[in-house]
Amino acid sequence: PVGAGFTELGTASWYGRKFHGQLTSSGEPFDMFQFTAAHKTMPIPAWIRVTNVENDQSLVVRVNDRGPFKEDRV
């Protein structure tokens, strides 16, 4: 199951054009058009559900990188 047994609440970041094409921790290039994510501890790869708590919309993304590097982000 997607992200089974793990919940984390906080603000996410989005990295676009500046990082497009740069290598991620998994060794693949970052593609700003794909649904991928960075996480400090989740395994690479992992499939996780991300939900916007303001409108309850969610999608499944693949963890392929490490981060975030700002303390107030998840």
N, C-alpha and C. Protein backbone atom coordinates (compact mmCIF):
# COMPACT_ATOMS: atom_id res chain seq x y z
N PRO A 1 0.83 -1.21 0.00
CA PRO A 1 0.00 0.00 0.00
C PRO A 1 0.86 1.26 0.00
N VAL A 2 0.35 2.29 -0.60
CA VAL A 2 1.06 3.56 -0.72
C VAL A 2 1.25 4.19 0.65
N GLY A 3 2.51 4.39 1.08
CA GLY A 3 2.81 5.06 2.34
C GLY A 3 2.16 4.44 3.55
N ALA A 4 1.93 3.15 3.55
CA ALA A 4 1.21 2.49 4.64
C ALA A 4 1.85 2.76 5.99
N GLY A 5 1.04 3.24 6.94
CA GLY A 5 1.49 3.41 8.30
C GLY A 5 2.33 4.64 8.57
N PHE A 6 2.44 5.55 7.62
CA PHE A 6 3.27 6.74 7.81
C PHE A 6 2.48 7.97 7.42
N THR A 7 2.43 8.95 8.32
CA THR A 7 1.77 10.22 8.03
C THR A 7 2.70 11.34 8.47
N GLU A 8 2.80 12.35 7.65
CA GLU A 8 3.62 13.52 7.97
C GLU A 8 2.85 14.75 7.50
N LEU A 9 2.75 15.75 8.35
CA LEU A 9 2.00 16.96 8.03
C LEU A 9 2.95 18.14 7.97
N GLY A 10 2.85 18.92 6.92
CA GLY A 10 3.71 20.10 6.79
C GLY A 10 3.60 20.70 5.41
N THR A 11 4.46 21.64 5.13
CA THR A 11 4.48 22.35 3.86
C THR A 11 5.52 21.74 2.93
N ALA A 12 5.11 21.48 1.70
CA ALA A 12 6.01 20.92 0.70
C ALA A 12 6.61 22.04 -0.15
N SER A 13 7.72 21.75 -0.78
CA SER A 13 8.35 22.67 -1.73
C SER A 13 8.22 22.11 -3.13
N TRP A 14 8.34 22.97 -4.11
CA TRP A 14 8.39 22.53 -5.50
C TRP A 14 9.61 23.17 -6.14
N TYR A 15 10.42 22.36 -6.79
CA TYR A 15 11.62 22.85 -7.45
C TYR A 15 11.42 22.68 -8.94
N GLY A 16 11.44 23.77 -9.67
CA GLY A 16 11.13 23.74 -11.09
C GLY A 16 12.32 23.93 -11.99
N ARG A 17 12.23 24.92 -12.85
CA ARG A 17 13.20 25.13 -13.93
C ARG A 17 14.65 25.13 -13.48
N LYS A 18 14.93 25.73 -12.33
CA LYS A 18 16.32 25.85 -11.87
C LYS A 18 16.99 24.48 -11.72
N PHE A 19 16.21 23.46 -11.33
CA PHE A 19 16.76 22.14 -11.07
C PHE A 19 16.44 21.13 -12.17
N HIS A 20 15.64 21.53 -13.15
CA HIS A 20 15.24 20.61 -14.23
C HIS A 20 16.48 20.06 -14.93
N GLY A 21 16.58 18.74 -15.00
CA GLY A 21 17.70 18.08 -15.65
C GLY A 21 18.87 17.76 -14.74
N GLN A 22 18.90 18.33 -13.54
CA GLN A 22 19.99 18.02 -12.61
C GLN A 22 19.76 16.64 -12.00
N LEU A 23 20.83 15.96 -11.66
CA LEU A 23 20.71 14.61 -11.11
C LEU A 23 20.14 14.63 -9.70
N THR A 24 19.24 13.68 -9.44
CA THR A 24 18.67 13.48 -8.12
C THR A 24 19.52 12.47 -7.36
N SER A 25 19.17 12.23 -6.11
CA SER A 25 19.91 11.25 -5.29
C SER A 25 19.83 9.85 -5.87
N SER A 26 18.79 9.58 -6.64
CA SER A 26 18.64 8.25 -7.25
C SER A 26 19.51 8.10 -8.50
N GLY A 27 20.11 9.19 -8.95
CA GLY A 27 20.94 9.15 -10.15
C GLY A 27 20.20 9.52 -11.42
N GLU A 28 18.89 9.69 -11.33
CA GLU A 28 18.13 10.08 -12.52
C GLU A 28 17.98 11.60 -12.56
N PRO A 29 17.84 12.17 -13.74
CA PRO A 29 17.67 13.62 -13.82
C PRO A 29 16.31 14.05 -13.28
N PHE A 30 16.28 15.19 -12.61
CA PHE A 30 15.02 15.76 -12.14
C PHE A 30 14.21 16.22 -13.35
N ASP A 31 12.95 15.81 -13.39
CA ASP A 31 12.04 16.20 -14.46
C ASP A 31 10.88 16.94 -13.83
N MET A 32 10.82 18.25 -14.03
CA MET A 32 9.79 19.05 -13.37
C MET A 32 8.38 18.73 -13.86
N PHE A 33 8.26 17.92 -14.90
CA PHE A 33 6.95 17.55 -15.43
C PHE A 33 6.45 16.21 -14.88
N GLN A 34 7.27 15.53 -14.10
CA GLN A 34 6.90 14.24 -13.52
C GLN A 34 6.45 14.41 -12.07
N PHE A 35 5.65 13.48 -11.58
CA PHE A 35 5.20 13.49 -10.19
C PHE A 35 6.20 12.72 -9.33
N THR A 36 7.26 13.42 -8.94
CA THR A 36 8.29 12.83 -8.09
C THR A 36 8.45 13.68 -6.85
N ALA A 37 9.17 13.14 -5.86
CA ALA A 37 9.33 13.84 -4.59
C ALA A 37 10.69 13.54 -3.98
N ALA A 38 11.07 14.42 -3.06
CA ALA A 38 12.25 14.19 -2.24
C ALA A 38 11.77 13.98 -0.80
N HIS A 39 12.46 13.13 -0.07
CA HIS A 39 12.14 12.91 1.34
C HIS A 39 13.42 12.57 2.08
N LYS A 40 13.48 12.96 3.34
CA LYS A 40 14.70 12.73 4.13
C LYS A 40 14.96 11.27 4.42
N THR A 41 13.90 10.48 4.68
CA THR A 41 14.12 9.11 5.17
C THR A 41 13.40 8.01 4.40
N MET A 42 12.40 8.33 3.59
CA MET A 42 11.68 7.29 2.85
C MET A 42 12.65 6.59 1.90
N PRO A 43 12.44 5.29 1.66
CA PRO A 43 13.32 4.59 0.73
C PRO A 43 13.19 5.14 -0.69
N ILE A 44 14.26 5.01 -1.45
CA ILE A 44 14.25 5.38 -2.86
C ILE A 44 14.36 4.08 -3.65
N PRO A 45 13.41 3.73 -4.48
CA PRO A 45 12.17 4.45 -4.71
C PRO A 45 11.08 4.05 -3.72
N ALA A 46 10.15 4.92 -3.53
CA ALA A 46 8.93 4.64 -2.75
C ALA A 46 7.80 5.41 -3.41
N TRP A 47 6.62 4.84 -3.36
CA TRP A 47 5.43 5.52 -3.87
C TRP A 47 4.65 6.02 -2.68
N ILE A 48 4.33 7.32 -2.66
CA ILE A 48 3.62 7.91 -1.52
C ILE A 48 2.45 8.76 -2.01
N ARG A 49 1.44 8.87 -1.16
CA ARG A 49 0.30 9.74 -1.47
C ARG A 49 0.53 11.08 -0.79
N VAL A 50 0.39 12.16 -1.57
CA VAL A 50 0.53 13.52 -1.08
C VAL A 50 -0.84 14.18 -1.18
N THR A 51 -1.29 14.78 -0.08
CA THR A 51 -2.63 15.37 -0.04
C THR A 51 -2.55 16.85 0.34
N ASN A 52 -3.28 17.67 -0.41
CA ASN A 52 -3.44 19.08 -0.06
C ASN A 52 -4.56 19.14 0.98
N VAL A 53 -4.23 19.46 2.22
CA VAL A 53 -5.23 19.41 3.29
C VAL A 53 -6.24 20.55 3.18
N GLU A 54 -5.96 21.56 2.36
CA GLU A 54 -6.92 22.67 2.20
C GLU A 54 -8.06 22.30 1.26
N ASN A 55 -7.82 21.39 0.29
CA ASN A 55 -8.89 21.03 -0.64
C ASN A 55 -9.09 19.52 -0.76
N ASP A 56 -8.34 18.74 0.02
CA ASP A 56 -8.44 17.28 0.08
C ASP A 56 -8.11 16.58 -1.24
N GLN A 57 -7.45 17.26 -2.17
CA GLN A 57 -7.00 16.62 -3.40
C GLN A 57 -5.67 15.94 -3.14
N SER A 58 -5.49 14.76 -3.72
CA SER A 58 -4.24 14.03 -3.51
C SER A 58 -3.79 13.37 -4.80
N LEU A 59 -2.51 13.00 -4.81
CA LEU A 59 -1.95 12.25 -5.92
C LEU A 59 -0.82 11.39 -5.38
N VAL A 60 -0.44 10.41 -6.17
CA VAL A 60 0.63 9.50 -5.78
C VAL A 60 1.89 9.92 -6.53
N VAL A 61 2.99 10.06 -5.78
CA VAL A 61 4.27 10.45 -6.37
C VAL A 61 5.33 9.43 -6.01
N ARG A 62 6.39 9.41 -6.79
CA ARG A 62 7.50 8.49 -6.55
C ARG A 62 8.66 9.26 -5.90
N VAL A 63 9.13 8.78 -4.76
CA VAL A 63 10.29 9.38 -4.10
C VAL A 63 11.54 8.95 -4.86
N ASN A 64 12.29 9.93 -5.36
CA ASN A 64 13.52 9.63 -6.09
C ASN A 64 14.68 10.55 -5.69
N ASP A 65 14.49 11.30 -4.59
CA ASP A 65 15.52 12.25 -4.19
C ASP A 65 15.51 12.45 -2.68
N ARG A 66 16.55 13.07 -2.16
CA ARG A 66 16.64 13.41 -0.74
C ARG A 66 16.38 14.89 -0.55
N GLY A 67 15.78 15.23 0.55
CA GLY A 67 15.45 16.61 0.88
C GLY A 67 14.21 16.60 1.73
N PRO A 68 13.67 17.69 2.09
CA PRO A 68 14.06 19.05 1.72
C PRO A 68 15.25 19.53 2.54
N PHE A 69 15.75 20.67 2.16
CA PHE A 69 16.89 21.23 2.87
C PHE A 69 16.53 22.51 3.61
N LYS A 70 15.25 22.82 3.67
CA LYS A 70 14.76 23.92 4.51
C LYS A 70 14.08 23.29 5.71
N GLU A 71 14.37 23.79 6.90
CA GLU A 71 13.85 23.18 8.13
C GLU A 71 12.34 23.15 8.22
N ASP A 72 11.65 24.13 7.65
CA ASP A 72 10.20 24.22 7.81
C ASP A 72 9.43 23.48 6.72
N ARG A 73 10.09 22.59 5.98
CA ARG A 73 9.44 21.85 4.89
C ARG A 73 9.49 20.35 5.14
N VAL A 74 8.53 19.64 4.53
CA VAL A 74 8.53 18.17 4.64
C VAL A 74 8.89 17.56 3.30
